[in-house]
Protein backbone atom coordinates (compact mmCIF):
# COMPACT_ATOMS: atom_id res chain seq x y z
CA MET A 1 107.09 78.93 94.55
CA VAL A 2 107.17 78.36 90.78
CA VAL A 3 103.37 78.27 90.65
CA SER A 4 103.18 81.51 92.65
CA PHE A 5 105.49 83.32 90.23
CA LEU A 6 103.55 82.00 87.25
CA GLU A 7 100.26 83.13 88.78
CA ARG A 8 101.71 86.60 89.40
CA LEU A 9 102.95 86.71 85.81
CA GLU A 10 99.51 85.66 84.60
CA SER A 11 97.65 88.28 86.66
CA LYS A 12 100.02 91.17 85.95
CA TYR A 13 100.89 90.68 82.27
CA TYR A 14 98.02 88.56 80.94
CA ASN A 15 96.60 91.34 78.73
CA GLN A 16 100.04 92.08 77.27
CA ILE A 17 100.67 88.51 76.05
CA ASP A 18 99.38 87.01 72.82
CA ASP A 19 97.01 84.05 72.80
CA LYS A 20 99.79 81.50 72.35
CA GLY A 21 101.69 82.95 75.31
CA LYS A 22 98.54 82.88 77.46
CA LYS A 23 98.07 79.20 76.63
CA TYR A 24 101.66 78.43 77.63
CA ILE A 25 101.18 80.18 80.97
CA GLU A 26 97.90 78.35 81.61
CA PHE A 27 99.55 75.00 80.86
CA ALA A 28 102.48 75.84 83.13
CA VAL A 29 100.24 76.92 86.03
CA ASP A 30 98.09 73.80 85.68
CA GLY A 31 101.13 71.55 85.49
CA GLY A 32 102.67 73.19 88.53
CA LYS A 33 99.52 72.71 90.59
CA ARG A 34 99.29 69.06 89.59
CA MET A 35 102.94 68.53 90.49
CA ARG A 36 102.40 70.14 93.90
CA ARG A 37 99.38 67.90 94.51
CA MET A 38 101.40 64.86 93.46
CA ILE A 39 104.24 65.76 95.83
CA MET A 40 101.80 66.21 98.73
CA ASP A 41 100.22 62.83 98.00
CA LEU A 42 103.66 61.21 97.83
CA LEU A 43 104.49 62.71 101.22
CA ASP A 44 101.25 61.30 102.65
CA TYR A 45 102.09 57.90 101.17
CA SER A 46 105.63 57.95 102.56
CA ARG A 47 104.34 58.83 106.04
CA VAL A 48 102.14 55.77 106.27
CA GLY A 49 103.88 53.47 108.72
CA ARG A 50 105.37 56.19 110.89
CA ARG A 51 103.79 56.20 114.30
CA ASN A 52 102.58 59.63 115.36
CA GLY A 53 100.02 60.63 117.93
CA LYS A 54 98.41 58.16 120.28
CA LEU A 55 95.86 55.41 120.22
CA GLU A 56 92.42 56.76 121.10
CA HIS A 57 88.75 55.92 121.07
CA ILE A 58 87.41 56.99 117.68
CA ASP A 59 83.70 57.36 117.02
CA LEU A 60 83.35 56.50 113.32
CA ASN A 61 80.14 58.53 113.16
CA GLU A 62 82.23 61.63 113.92
CA ILE A 63 84.77 60.61 111.28
CA ILE A 64 82.02 60.39 108.65
CA GLU A 65 80.62 63.78 109.67
CA GLU A 66 84.08 65.31 109.34
CA VAL A 67 84.46 63.81 105.86
CA LYS A 68 81.10 65.34 104.92
CA ALA A 69 82.30 68.74 106.17
CA LEU A 70 85.53 68.44 104.17
CA ASN A 71 83.51 67.66 101.03
CA LYS A 72 80.63 70.05 101.71
CA THR A 73 81.00 72.05 98.49
CA LEU A 74 81.07 68.97 96.29
CA ILE A 75 78.18 67.38 98.19
CA ASP A 76 76.04 70.51 97.84
CA GLU A 77 76.87 71.05 94.17
CA SER A 78 76.12 67.44 93.22
CA ALA A 79 73.09 67.06 95.54
CA ALA A 80 74.79 63.97 96.95
CA ILE A 81 73.09 61.78 99.53
CA ILE A 82 75.25 60.01 102.10
CA LYS A 83 73.58 57.51 104.41
CA SER A 84 75.28 55.62 107.19
CA ASP A 85 74.56 52.97 109.78
CA LEU A 86 75.05 53.93 113.40
CA MET A 87 78.77 53.20 113.41
CA PRO A 88 80.86 51.78 116.26
CA THR A 89 83.76 53.23 118.21
CA ILE A 90 87.20 51.72 117.69
CA ILE A 91 90.62 52.20 119.29
CA ALA A 92 93.10 53.36 116.66
CA TYR A 93 95.11 56.31 115.37
CA ARG A 94 92.72 59.03 114.28
CA SER A 95 94.59 60.61 111.37
CA PRO A 96 94.93 57.50 109.17
CA VAL A 97 91.35 56.42 109.92
CA LEU A 98 90.13 59.81 108.73
CA GLN A 99 92.38 59.52 105.66
CA VAL A 100 90.84 56.17 104.72
CA PHE A 101 87.23 57.33 104.98
CA HIS A 102 87.99 60.64 103.29
CA ASN A 103 89.74 59.10 100.29
CA VAL A 104 87.14 56.39 99.66
CA ILE A 105 84.13 58.70 100.08
CA SER A 106 85.76 61.46 98.01
CA ASN A 107 86.28 58.96 95.18
CA ALA A 108 82.64 57.90 95.42
CA LEU A 109 81.60 61.54 95.07
CA LYS A 110 83.96 62.22 92.17
CA TYR A 111 83.57 59.19 89.91
CA GLN A 112 79.93 59.67 89.02
CA ASN A 113 77.82 59.31 85.89
CA LYS A 114 77.00 62.69 84.37
CA GLY A 115 73.66 64.07 85.49
CA VAL A 116 73.31 61.56 88.31
CA SER A 117 73.41 62.66 91.95
CA PRO A 118 75.79 60.55 94.05
CA GLU A 119 74.19 58.14 96.51
CA ILE A 120 76.60 56.69 99.06
CA THR A 121 75.73 54.13 101.72
CA ILE A 122 78.08 53.27 104.57
CA SER A 123 77.50 50.13 106.61
CA PHE A 124 79.46 47.76 108.85
CA LYS A 125 79.37 44.37 110.47
CA SER A 126 81.35 42.83 113.28
CA ILE A 127 83.65 39.90 112.48
CA ASP A 128 85.52 38.58 115.53
CA ASP A 129 88.13 41.20 116.48
CA TYR A 130 87.51 43.28 113.35
CA ILE A 131 84.81 45.43 111.86
CA GLN A 132 84.12 45.23 108.14
CA ILE A 133 83.17 48.54 106.54
CA ALA A 134 81.28 48.73 103.24
CA ILE A 135 81.08 52.01 101.30
CA LYS A 136 78.69 51.63 98.37
CA ASP A 137 78.11 54.16 95.60
CA ASN A 138 76.07 54.50 92.40
CA GLY A 139 78.99 55.78 90.32
CA ILE A 140 80.62 54.77 87.05
CA GLY A 141 81.93 51.46 88.40
CA ILE A 142 85.18 49.61 87.74
CA ASP A 143 85.86 46.74 85.37
CA ALA A 144 86.93 43.59 87.24
CA ASP A 145 90.20 43.53 85.28
CA PHE A 146 91.26 46.73 87.04
CA TYR A 147 90.37 45.91 90.66
CA ASP A 148 94.03 45.57 91.69
CA LYS A 149 95.21 48.45 89.55
CA VAL A 150 93.16 51.07 91.42
CA PHE A 151 95.25 50.45 94.56
CA ALA A 152 98.59 50.95 92.79
CA VAL A 153 100.61 54.18 93.09
CA PHE A 154 99.87 56.77 90.38
CA GLN A 155 97.46 54.46 88.57
CA ARG A 156 94.54 56.19 86.87
CA LEU A 157 91.76 54.52 84.89
CA HIS A 158 90.50 57.75 83.32
CA ARG A 159 91.94 60.78 81.58
CA ARG A 160 92.73 63.79 83.74
CA GLU A 161 90.31 65.86 81.64
CA GLU A 162 87.47 63.56 82.76
CA TYR A 163 88.31 63.23 86.46
CA SER A 164 90.94 65.13 88.43
CA GLY A 165 93.41 63.54 90.82
CA THR A 166 96.89 62.02 91.03
CA GLY A 167 95.99 58.35 91.38
CA MET A 168 97.38 58.17 94.94
CA GLY A 169 94.25 58.19 97.09
CA LEU A 170 93.43 54.49 97.09
CA ALA A 171 97.11 53.52 97.27
CA ILE A 172 97.27 55.42 100.56
CA VAL A 173 94.07 53.72 101.73
CA LYS A 174 95.43 50.25 101.03
CA LYS A 175 98.74 50.97 102.75
CA VAL A 176 96.96 52.21 105.87
CA ILE A 177 94.51 49.31 105.99
CA THR A 178 97.14 46.62 105.47
CA GLY A 179 99.33 48.37 108.04
CA PHE A 180 96.50 48.02 110.53
CA GLY A 181 96.41 44.30 109.75
CA GLY A 182 93.21 44.55 107.70
CA ASN A 183 92.21 43.89 104.10
CA ILE A 184 90.54 45.92 101.36
CA TRP A 185 88.72 44.77 98.23
CA ILE A 186 86.12 45.88 95.67
CA ASP A 187 82.87 44.63 94.25
CA SER A 188 81.81 46.67 91.23
CA LYS A 189 79.84 46.72 88.00
CA VAL A 190 80.58 49.20 85.22
CA GLY A 191 77.85 51.80 84.94
CA GLU A 192 76.14 50.77 88.18
CA GLY A 193 78.57 51.58 90.95
CA SER A 194 81.11 50.11 93.35
CA THR A 195 81.32 48.87 96.90
CA PHE A 196 84.64 49.19 98.72
CA TYR A 197 85.06 46.79 101.62
CA PHE A 198 87.79 47.03 104.24
CA THR A 199 88.45 45.56 107.66
CA ILE A 200 89.89 47.37 110.67
CA PRO A 201 90.71 45.93 114.11
CA LYS A 202 88.26 46.97 116.82
CA GLU A 203 91.26 47.74 118.96
CA ILE A 204 94.79 48.32 117.73
CA LYS A 205 97.13 47.15 120.48
CA ASP A 206 100.43 47.32 118.63
CA GLU A 207 102.07 50.67 119.34
CA ALA A 208 104.06 50.27 116.11
CA ALA A 209 100.90 50.13 113.98
CA TYR A 210 100.77 52.33 110.92
CA SER A 211 99.85 55.97 111.16
CA ILE A 212 100.19 59.14 109.11
CA GLU A 213 102.06 62.12 110.50
CA GLU A 214 99.76 64.65 108.90
CA SER A 215 96.84 64.24 106.55
CA SER A 216 96.33 66.45 103.51
CA THR A 217 92.66 66.61 104.55
CA ASN A 218 93.59 68.80 107.52
């Protein structure tokens, strides 16, 4: 509501306000939008662990195609290339699975070297009752000292002016994956890119397994 009033003030009286006043309004609108995004991410984070919906067969190829559709503008503008193995079908809750793939792939698209088109490769292998997913990119990479930090709530490794976001995306991913009984880790080299690995059960049998009531990607 505050952002809406500020935007109305900006559109209606912008030409009647001096430059300093315009700057104040711009700062306020930007801050309000960031706060709204932060609140939505916090809601997503708090919902992880609440069972909603039902267990279903999920074709991970369809999940990846949906993530591509959600990021179509960014993919087109950056001339990104996303390649994927022929992925398996698992039994899980759809919403959190989509959230995991969306957040990791979105990060791979966002954290790129200037002037370099993103190249993302998605692969998997079967390990007993789990599948291990690997999402590899050619982005800016992460220093080994910060591997754990990227999964913490509100932790950012870069200034907001460089890369947008609230620092919640990977925290949500980790909470979902660990709730499913899986693990997540990184292999990265600064300036060359990162590979995010995570494991998911082929079939979630526990009806109390983590889920997300609603995803901000919807």
